[in-house]
């Protein structure tokens, strides 16, 4: 497997950008310099993320999402779990 997450990834199983094996590995997302844990879908090349709009759902039970535009960074979490890892902050302090 590659050490770089894909350009676009979704947590929705009905999306063509859904990849269970990558999600199980754990993907960290940084949007506008802030780590986000509520991202439903992202695209690095187009510079956007989709996040849930509170607890609101559509008539099929899927969460309503909003598209936010800005710089997106993605990386694989160590250990496969989405944990608070101090390594990303240490990298930003160097540059």
Protein backbone atom coordinates (compact mmCIF):
# COMPACT_ATOMS: atom_id res chain seq x y z
CA UNK A 1 0.00 0.00 0.00
CA UNK A 2 1.04 3.56 -0.62
CA UNK A 3 1.94 5.88 2.25
CA UNK A 4 -0.06 8.70 0.65
CA UNK A 5 -3.86 8.89 1.01
CA UNK A 6 -5.88 9.22 -2.21
CA UNK A 7 -6.74 12.61 -3.68
CA UNK A 8 -10.43 12.05 -2.90
CA UNK A 9 -12.07 9.82 -0.29
CA UNK A 10 -15.57 9.45 1.17
CA UNK A 11 -16.98 7.66 4.23
CA UNK A 12 -20.31 7.03 2.45
CA UNK A 13 -20.47 3.40 1.18
CA UNK A 14 -22.65 4.41 -1.79
CA UNK A 15 -20.03 6.89 -3.06
CA UNK A 16 -17.65 5.89 -5.88
CA UNK A 17 -14.83 7.35 -3.73
CA UNK A 18 -15.46 4.99 -0.79
CA UNK A 19 -12.55 2.67 0.11
CA UNK A 20 -13.09 0.59 3.26
CA UNK A 21 -9.48 -0.64 3.51
CA UNK A 22 -8.14 2.94 3.50
CA UNK A 23 -10.68 4.13 6.08
CA UNK A 24 -9.83 1.19 8.35
CA UNK A 25 -6.19 2.23 8.11
CA UNK A 26 -7.19 5.66 9.47
CA UNK A 27 -6.95 8.96 7.60
CA UNK A 28 -6.25 12.28 9.30
CA UNK A 29 -7.52 15.49 7.70
CA UNK A 30 -6.25 19.02 8.25
CA UNK A 31 -8.46 21.78 6.78
CA UNK A 32 -7.16 25.37 6.80
CA UNK A 33 -4.45 24.30 9.25
CA UNK A 34 -6.88 22.76 11.78
CA UNK A 35 -7.29 19.01 12.28
CA UNK A 36 -10.91 17.97 11.64
CA UNK A 37 -12.56 14.73 12.73
CA UNK A 38 -16.02 15.39 11.24
CA UNK A 39 -15.12 15.17 7.54
CA UNK A 40 -17.50 13.06 5.42
CA UNK A 41 -15.58 13.49 2.14
CA UNK A 42 -12.54 15.43 0.94
CA UNK A 43 -10.71 16.34 -2.27
CA UNK A 44 -7.13 17.60 -2.01
CA UNK A 45 -6.68 18.74 -5.64
CA UNK A 46 -9.93 20.75 -5.71
CA UNK A 47 -9.41 22.05 -2.15
CA UNK A 48 -12.66 21.19 -0.35
CA UNK A 49 -14.16 19.04 2.43
CA UNK A 50 -17.74 17.99 3.15
CA UNK A 51 -18.81 18.02 6.79
CA UNK A 52 -22.07 17.03 8.44
CA UNK A 53 -24.51 19.85 9.22
CA UNK A 54 -25.20 19.00 12.86
CA UNK A 55 -27.56 16.06 13.34
CA UNK A 56 -29.79 16.93 10.37
CA UNK A 57 -30.55 14.15 7.89
CA UNK A 58 -32.25 13.91 4.53
CA UNK A 59 -35.35 11.78 3.96
CA UNK A 60 -33.19 8.69 3.34
CA UNK A 61 -31.40 9.07 6.69
CA UNK A 62 -28.10 10.33 5.26
CA UNK A 63 -26.50 13.30 7.02
CA UNK A 64 -26.90 16.69 5.37
CA UNK A 65 -23.49 18.06 4.47
CA UNK A 66 -21.96 21.38 3.60
CA UNK A 67 -18.97 21.91 1.30
CA UNK A 68 -16.17 24.05 2.74
CA UNK A 69 -13.47 25.38 0.41
CA UNK A 70 -9.84 25.81 1.44
CA UNK A 71 -6.47 24.04 1.66
CA UNK A 72 -6.74 20.34 2.58
CA UNK A 73 -4.01 18.01 3.89
CA UNK A 74 -4.44 14.26 4.42
CA UNK A 75 -2.24 11.60 6.02
CA UNK A 76 -2.55 8.06 7.31
CA UNK A 77 -2.90 7.78 11.08
CA UNK A 78 -0.41 5.53 12.86
CA UNK A 79 -2.05 2.41 14.30
CA UNK A 80 -5.18 2.63 12.09
CA UNK A 81 -7.21 4.50 14.70
CA UNK A 82 -8.12 8.16 14.58
CA UNK A 83 -6.18 9.29 17.65
CA UNK A 84 -4.81 12.62 18.75
CA UNK A 85 -1.23 12.28 17.51
CA UNK A 86 1.19 15.11 18.42
CA UNK A 87 3.35 14.41 15.33
CA UNK A 88 1.38 16.68 12.90
CA UNK A 89 1.82 19.70 15.20
CA UNK A 90 5.55 18.97 15.50
CA UNK A 91 5.85 18.97 11.70
CA UNK A 92 4.14 22.36 11.43
CA UNK A 93 6.50 23.86 14.04
CA UNK A 94 9.51 23.02 11.86
CA UNK A 95 8.28 24.87 8.78
